Amino acid sequence: MATVTVSPRFQVVIPKQTRDKMEIKVGQQFQLIQYGDSIEFIPVRKIKEMKGFLKGIDTGVQRESNRI
């Protein structure tokens, strides 16, 4: 876990090791989600990059026995 500091302009630098591991590029957008007193940065991915990310997911659905 890395520690970062907020600049006077409220900017945060993402450490190089994290940028490299997550393949973060200049200009990439993030969604910012606040959970109580925590903040989570979620990278916005293009639809083309999402292709196949659900491969192998179980799509079986259990239904109620009395359902028509």
PDB file of N, CA and C in Angstrom:
ATOM      1  N   MET A   1       0.856  -1.167   0.000  1.00  0.00           N
ATOM      2  CA  MET A   1       0.000   0.000   0.000  1.00  0.00           C
ATOM      3  C   MET A   1       0.903   1.231   0.000  1.00  0.00           C
ATOM      4  N   ALA A   2       0.576   2.183  -0.854  1.00  0.00           N
ATOM      5  CA  ALA A   2       1.358   3.416  -0.955  1.00  0.00           C
ATOM      6  C   ALA A   2       0.601   4.557  -0.286  1.00  0.00           C
ATOM      7  N   THR A   3       1.345   5.523   0.194  1.00  0.00           N
ATOM      8  CA  THR A   3       0.755   6.723   0.775  1.00  0.00           C
ATOM      9  C   THR A   3       1.000   7.875  -0.186  1.00  0.00           C
ATOM     10  N   VAL A   4      -0.043   8.650  -0.462  1.00  0.00           N
ATOM     11  CA  VAL A   4       0.080   9.810  -1.344  1.00  0.00           C
ATOM     12  C   VAL A   4      -0.361  11.056  -0.590  1.00  0.00           C
ATOM     13  N   THR A   5       0.034  12.220  -1.103  1.00  0.00           N
ATOM     14  CA  THR A   5      -0.288  13.492  -0.473  1.00  0.00           C
ATOM     15  C   THR A   5      -1.101  14.341  -1.435  1.00  0.00           C
ATOM     16  N   VAL A   6      -2.101  15.023  -0.926  1.00  0.00           N
ATOM     17  CA  VAL A   6      -2.920  15.925  -1.735  1.00  0.00           C
ATOM     18  C   VAL A   6      -2.172  17.249  -1.865  1.00  0.00           C
ATOM     19  N   SER A   7      -2.022  17.727  -3.112  1.00  0.00           N
ATOM     20  CA  SER A   7      -1.311  18.987  -3.362  1.00  0.00           C
ATOM     21  C   SER A   7      -2.208  20.176  -3.017  1.00  0.00           C
ATOM     22  N   PRO A   8      -1.645  21.392  -2.996  1.00  0.00           N
ATOM     23  CA  PRO A   8      -2.461  22.585  -2.732  1.00  0.00           C
ATOM     24  C   PRO A   8      -3.592  22.777  -3.749  1.00  0.00           C
ATOM     25  N   ARG A   9      -3.441  22.155  -4.933  1.00  0.00           N
ATOM     26  CA  ARG A   9      -4.498  22.230  -5.951  1.00  0.00           C
ATOM     27  C   ARG A   9      -5.408  20.992  -5.898  1.00  0.00           C
ATOM     28  N   PHE A  10      -5.337  20.246  -4.810  1.00  0.00           N
ATOM     29  CA  PHE A  10      -6.141  19.040  -4.575  1.00  0.00           C
ATOM     30  C   PHE A  10      -5.868  17.948  -5.611  1.00  0.00           C
ATOM     31  N   GLN A  11      -4.624  17.831  -6.043  1.00  0.00           N
ATOM     32  CA  GLN A  11      -4.221  16.790  -6.974  1.00  0.00           C
ATOM     33  C   GLN A  11      -3.482  15.697  -6.213  1.00  0.00           C
ATOM     34  N   VAL A  12      -3.586  14.464  -6.738  1.00  0.00           N
ATOM     35  CA  VAL A  12      -2.912  13.317  -6.141  1.00  0.00           C
ATOM     36  C   VAL A  12      -2.113  12.623  -7.241  1.00  0.00           C
ATOM     37  N   VAL A  13      -0.863  12.287  -6.967  1.00  0.00           N
ATOM     38  CA  VAL A  13      -0.032  11.563  -7.924  1.00  0.00           C
ATOM     39  C   VAL A  13      -0.143  10.075  -7.625  1.00  0.00           C
ATOM     40  N   ILE A  14      -0.489   9.294  -8.655  1.00  0.00           N
ATOM     41  CA  ILE A  14      -0.564   7.840  -8.511  1.00  0.00           C
ATOM     42  C   ILE A  14       0.861   7.304  -8.648  1.00  0.00           C
ATOM     43  N   PRO A  15       1.340   6.531  -7.676  1.00  0.00           N
ATOM     44  CA  PRO A  15       2.717   6.027  -7.730  1.00  0.00           C
ATOM     45  C   PRO A  15       2.992   5.227  -9.006  1.00  0.00           C
ATOM     46  N   LYS A  16       4.229   5.327  -9.514  1.00  0.00           N
ATOM     47  CA  LYS A  16       4.614   4.675 -10.767  1.00  0.00           C
ATOM     48  C   LYS A  16       4.351   3.176 -10.736  1.00  0.00           C
ATOM     49  N   GLN A  17       4.661   2.531  -9.637  1.00  0.00           N
ATOM     50  CA  GLN A  17       4.448   1.083  -9.539  1.00  0.00           C
ATOM     51  C   GLN A  17       2.972   0.738  -9.767  1.00  0.00           C
ATOM     52  N   THR A  18       2.076   1.525  -9.210  1.00  0.00           N
ATOM     53  CA  THR A  18       0.639   1.306  -9.384  1.00  0.00           C
ATOM     54  C   THR A  18       0.224   1.600 -10.818  1.00  0.00           C
ATOM     55  N   ARG A  19       0.736   2.699 -11.389  1.00  0.00           N
ATOM     56  CA  ARG A  19       0.413   3.054 -12.782  1.00  0.00           C
ATOM     57  C   ARG A  19       0.838   1.952 -13.730  1.00  0.00           C
ATOM     58  N   ASP A  20       2.035   1.423 -13.520  1.00  0.00           N
ATOM     59  CA  ASP A  20       2.545   0.362 -14.388  1.00  0.00           C
ATOM     60  C   ASP A  20       1.723  -0.913 -14.246  1.00  0.00           C
ATOM     61  N   LYS A  21       1.437  -1.298 -13.021  1.00  0.00           N
ATOM     62  CA  LYS A  21       0.695  -2.539 -12.766  1.00  0.00           C
ATOM     63  C   LYS A  21      -0.717  -2.475 -13.344  1.00  0.00           C
ATOM     64  N   MET A  22      -1.359  -1.305 -13.241  1.00  0.00           N
ATOM     65  CA  MET A  22      -2.740  -1.155 -13.721  1.00  0.00           C
ATOM     66  C   MET A  22      -2.813  -0.604 -15.145  1.00  0.00           C
ATOM     67  N   GLU A  23      -1.640  -0.386 -15.760  1.00  0.00           N
ATOM     68  CA  GLU A  23      -1.552   0.133 -17.129  1.00  0.00           C
ATOM     69  C   GLU A  23      -2.340   1.430 -17.298  1.00  0.00           C
ATOM     70  N   ILE A  24      -2.164   2.343 -16.357  1.00  0.00           N
ATOM     71  CA  ILE A  24      -2.840   3.639 -16.396  1.00  0.00           C
ATOM     72  C   ILE A  24      -2.086   4.547 -17.355  1.00  0.00           C
ATOM     73  N   LYS A  25      -2.821   5.181 -18.261  1.00  0.00           N
ATOM     74  CA  LYS A  25      -2.241   6.063 -19.271  1.00  0.00           C
ATOM     75  C   LYS A  25      -2.605   7.517 -18.989  1.00  0.00           C
ATOM     76  N   VAL A  26      -1.830   8.436 -19.556  1.00  0.00           N
ATOM     77  CA  VAL A  26      -2.102   9.869 -19.434  1.00  0.00           C
ATOM     78  C   VAL A  26      -3.473  10.166 -20.031  1.00  0.00           C
ATOM     79  N   GLY A  27      -4.279  10.926 -19.324  1.00  0.00           N
ATOM     80  CA  GLY A  27      -5.604  11.307 -19.808  1.00  0.00           C
ATOM     81  C   GLY A  27      -6.696  10.293 -19.498  1.00  0.00           C
ATOM     82  N   GLN A  28      -6.334   9.158 -18.913  1.00  0.00           N
ATOM     83  CA  GLN A  28      -7.339   8.147 -18.582  1.00  0.00           C
ATOM     84  C   GLN A  28      -8.299   8.703 -17.541  1.00  0.00           C
ATOM     85  N   GLN A  29      -9.569   8.353 -17.679  1.00  0.00           N
ATOM     86  CA  GLN A  29     -10.579   8.845 -16.757  1.00  0.00           C
ATOM     87  C   GLN A  29     -10.882   7.799 -15.684  1.00  0.00           C
ATOM     88  N   PHE A  30     -11.305   8.315 -14.521  1.00  0.00           N
ATOM     89  CA  PHE A  30     -11.669   7.467 -13.393  1.00  0.00           C
ATOM     90  C   PHE A  30     -13.010   7.917 -12.842  1.00  0.00           C
ATOM     91  N   GLN A  31     -13.789   6.964 -12.353  1.00  0.00           N
ATOM     92  CA  GLN A  31     -14.979   7.300 -11.579  1.00  0.00           C
ATOM     93  C   GLN A  31     -14.519   7.390 -10.132  1.00  0.00           C
ATOM     94  N   LEU A  32     -15.035   8.350  -9.428  1.00  0.00           N
ATOM     95  CA  LEU A  32     -14.673   8.563  -8.035  1.00  0.00           C
ATOM     96  C   LEU A  32     -15.878   8.207  -7.175  1.00  0.00           C
ATOM     97  N   ILE A  33     -15.701   7.251  -6.266  1.00  0.00           N
ATOM     98  CA  ILE A  33     -16.802   6.801  -5.421  1.00  0.00           C
ATOM     99  C   ILE A  33     -16.403   7.019  -3.966  1.00  0.00           C
ATOM    100  N   GLN A  34     -17.286   7.646  -3.221  1.00  0.00           N
ATOM    101  CA  GLN A  34     -17.036   7.905  -1.801  1.00  0.00           C
ATOM    102  C   GLN A  34     -17.829   6.910  -0.968  1.00  0.00           C
ATOM    103  N   TYR A  35     -17.139   6.217  -0.069  1.00  0.00           N
ATOM    104  CA  TYR A  35     -17.753   5.291   0.878  1.00  0.00           C
ATOM    105  C   TYR A  35     -17.446   5.805   2.275  1.00  0.00           C
ATOM    106  N   GLY A  36     -18.388   6.498   2.886  1.00  0.00           N
ATOM    107  CA  GLY A  36     -18.149   7.037   4.226  1.00  0.00           C
ATOM    108  C   GLY A  36     -16.947   7.964   4.209  1.00  0.00           C
ATOM    109  N   ASP A  37     -15.863   7.563   4.883  1.00  0.00           N
ATOM    110  CA  ASP A  37     -14.662   8.403   4.904  1.00  0.00           C
ATOM    111  C   ASP A  37     -13.556   7.861   3.999  1.00  0.00           C
ATOM    112  N   SER A  38     -13.927   7.027   3.022  1.00  0.00           N
ATOM    113  CA  SER A  38     -12.969   6.475   2.061  1.00  0.00           C
ATOM    114  C   SER A  38     -13.331   6.912   0.644  1.00  0.00           C
ATOM    115  N   ILE A  39     -12.326   6.928  -0.230  1.00  0.00           N
ATOM    116  CA  ILE A  39     -12.523   7.267  -1.638  1.00  0.00           C
ATOM    117  C   ILE A  39     -11.962   6.128  -2.479  1.00  0.00           C
ATOM    118  N   GLU A  40     -12.701   5.736  -3.520  1.00  0.00           N
ATOM    119  CA  GLU A  40     -12.247   4.684  -4.418  1.00  0.00           C
ATOM    120  C   GLU A  40     -12.201   5.233  -5.838  1.00  0.00           C
ATOM    121  N   PHE A  41     -11.076   5.022  -6.530  1.00  0.00           N
ATOM    122  CA  PHE A  41     -10.910   5.433  -7.922  1.00  0.00           C
ATOM    123  C   PHE A  41     -11.132   4.203  -8.798  1.00  0.00           C
ATOM    124  N   ILE A  42     -12.124   4.261  -9.690  1.00  0.00           N
ATOM    125  CA  ILE A  42     -12.427   3.148 -10.584  1.00  0.00           C
ATOM    126  C   ILE A  42     -12.080   3.571 -12.010  1.00  0.00           C
ATOM    127  N   PRO A  43     -11.145   2.883 -12.690  1.00  0.00           N
ATOM    128  CA  PRO A  43     -10.807   3.268 -14.057  1.00  0.00           C
ATOM    129  C   PRO A  43     -11.998   3.068 -14.991  1.00  0.00           C
ATOM    130  N   VAL A  44     -12.241   4.054 -15.841  1.00  0.00           N
ATOM    131  CA  VAL A  44     -13.289   3.952 -16.852  1.00  0.00           C
ATOM    132  C   VAL A  44     -12.677   3.202 -18.029  1.00  0.00           C
ATOM    133  N   ARG A  45     -13.289   2.101 -18.414  1.00  0.00           N
ATOM    134  CA  ARG A  45     -12.786   1.271 -19.510  1.00  0.00           C
ATOM    135  C   ARG A  45     -13.660   1.452 -20.745  1.00  0.00           C
ATOM    136  N   LYS A  46     -13.035   1.363 -21.910  1.00  0.00           N
ATOM    137  CA  LYS A  46     -13.775   1.426 -23.164  1.00  0.00           C
ATOM    138  C   LYS A  46     -14.500   0.098 -23.357  1.00  0.00           C
ATOM    139  N   ILE A  47     -15.602   0.142 -24.094  1.00  0.00           N
ATOM    140  CA  ILE A  47     -16.386  -1.074 -24.346  1.00  0.00           C
ATOM    141  C   ILE A  47     -15.519  -2.150 -24.998  1.00  0.00           C
ATOM    142  N   LYS A  48     -14.660  -1.778 -25.934  1.00  0.00           N
ATOM    143  CA  LYS A  48     -13.804  -2.760 -26.607  1.00  0.00           C
ATOM    144  C   LYS A  48     -12.901  -3.486 -25.614  1.00  0.00           C
ATOM    145  N   GLU A  49     -12.469  -2.799 -24.573  1.00  0.00           N
ATOM    146  CA  GLU A  49     -11.607  -3.416 -23.567  1.00  0.00           C
ATOM    147  C   GLU A  49     -12.382  -4.393 -22.684  1.00  0.00           C
ATOM    148  N   MET A  50     -13.695  -4.268 -22.639  1.00  0.00           N
ATOM    149  CA  MET A  50     -14.521  -5.107 -21.778  1.00  0.00           C
ATOM    150  C   MET A  50     -14.863  -6.449 -22.431  1.00  0.00           C
ATOM    151  N   LYS A  51     -14.587  -6.591 -23.721  1.00  0.00           N
ATOM    152  CA  LYS A  51     -14.936  -7.812 -24.447  1.00  0.00           C
ATOM    153  C   LYS A  51     -14.332  -9.037 -23.757  1.00  0.00           C
ATOM    154  N   GLY A  52     -15.207  -9.989 -23.424  1.00  0.00           N
ATOM    155  CA  GLY A  52     -14.774 -11.244 -22.837  1.00  0.00           C
ATOM    156  C   GLY A  52     -14.562 -11.239 -21.336  1.00  0.00           C
ATOM    157  N   PHE A  53     -14.816 -10.125 -20.649  1.00  0.00           N
ATOM    158  CA  PHE A  53     -14.520 -10.093 -19.213  1.00  0.00           C
ATOM    159  C   PHE A  53     -15.489 -10.942 -18.396  1.00  0.00           C
ATOM    160  N   LEU A  54     -16.623 -11.333 -18.968  1.00  0.00           N
ATOM    161  CA  LEU A  54     -17.567 -12.206 -18.262  1.00  0.00           C
ATOM    162  C   LEU A  54     -17.460 -13.664 -18.711  1.00  0.00           C
ATOM    163  N   LYS A  55     -16.452 -13.966 -19.506  1.00  0.00           N
ATOM    164  CA  LYS A  55     -16.275 -15.320 -20.016  1.00  0.00           C
ATOM    165  C   LYS A  55     -16.155 -16.303 -18.854  1.00  0.00           C
ATOM    166  N   GLY A  56     -16.940 -17.374 -18.920  1.00  0.00           N
ATOM    167  CA  GLY A  56     -16.891 -18.397 -17.890  1.00  0.00           C
ATOM    168  C   GLY A  56     -17.806 -18.154 -16.707  1.00  0.00           C
ATOM    169  N   ILE A  57     -18.567 -17.061 -16.727  1.00  0.00           N
ATOM    170  CA  ILE A  57     -19.459 -16.758 -15.612  1.00  0.00           C
ATOM    171  C   ILE A  57     -20.636 -17.743 -15.605  1.00  0.00           C
ATOM    172  N   ASP A  58     -21.069 -18.129 -14.431  1.00  0.00           N
ATOM    173  CA  ASP A  58     -22.212 -19.034 -14.288  1.00  0.00           C
ATOM    174  C   ASP A  58     -23.494 -18.249 -14.536  1.00  0.00           C
ATOM    175  N   THR A  59     -24.222 -18.615 -15.586  1.00  0.00           N
ATOM    176  CA  THR A  59     -25.460 -17.911 -15.924  1.00  0.00           C
ATOM    177  C   THR A  59     -26.694 -18.692 -15.489  1.00  0.00           C
ATOM    178  N   GLY A  60     -26.487 -19.788 -14.789  1.00  0.00           N
ATOM    179  CA  GLY A  60     -27.614 -20.567 -14.290  1.00  0.00           C
ATOM    180  C   GLY A  60     -28.373 -19.793 -13.223  1.00  0.00           C
ATOM    181  N   VAL A  61     -29.690 -19.821 -13.319  1.00  0.00           N
ATOM    182  CA  VAL A  61     -30.531 -19.095 -12.372  1.00  0.00           C
ATOM    183  C   VAL A  61     -31.451 -20.086 -11.683  1.00  0.00           C
ATOM    184  N   GLN A  62     -31.485 -20.056 -10.358  1.00  0.00           N
ATOM    185  CA  GLN A  62     -32.412 -20.914  -9.634  1.00  0.00           C
ATOM    186  C   GLN A  62     -33.760 -20.217  -9.562  1.00  0.00           C
ATOM    187  N   ARG A  63     -34.794 -20.939  -9.947  1.00  0.00           N
ATOM    188  CA  ARG A  63     -36.144 -20.374  -9.921  1.00  0.00           C
ATOM    189  C   ARG A  63     -36.935 -20.981  -8.773  1.00  0.00           C
ATOM    190  N   GLU A  64     -37.905 -20.230  -8.312  1.00  0.00           N
ATOM    191  CA  GLU A  64     -38.783 -20.731  -7.262  1.00  0.00           C
ATOM    192  C   GLU A  64     -39.620 -21.866  -7.827  1.00  0.00           C
ATOM    193  N   SER A  65     -39.865 -22.904  -7.024  1.00  0.00           N
ATOM    194  CA  SER A  65     -40.580 -24.080  -7.511  1.00  0.00           C
ATOM    195  C   SER A  65     -42.033 -23.785  -7.861  1.00  0.00           C
ATOM    196  N   ASN A  66     -42.654 -22.798  -7.224  1.00  0.00           N
ATOM    197  CA  ASN A  66     -44.058 -22.502  -7.489  1.00  0.00           C
ATOM    198  C   ASN A  66     -44.234 -21.446  -8.583  1.00  0.00           C
ATOM    199  N   ARG A  67     -43.174 -21.088  -9.231  1.00  0.00           N
ATOM    200  CA  ARG A  67     -43.242 -20.066 -10.275  1.00  0.00           C
ATOM    201  C   ARG A  67     -43.636 -20.692 -11.606  1.00  0.00           C
ATOM    202  N   ILE A  68     -44.474 -20.023 -12.336  1.00  0.00           N
ATOM    203  CA  ILE A  68     -44.931 -20.557 -13.634  1.00  0.00           C
ATOM    204  C   ILE A  68     -43.935 -20.228 -14.710  1.00  0.00           C
TER     205      ILE A  68
END
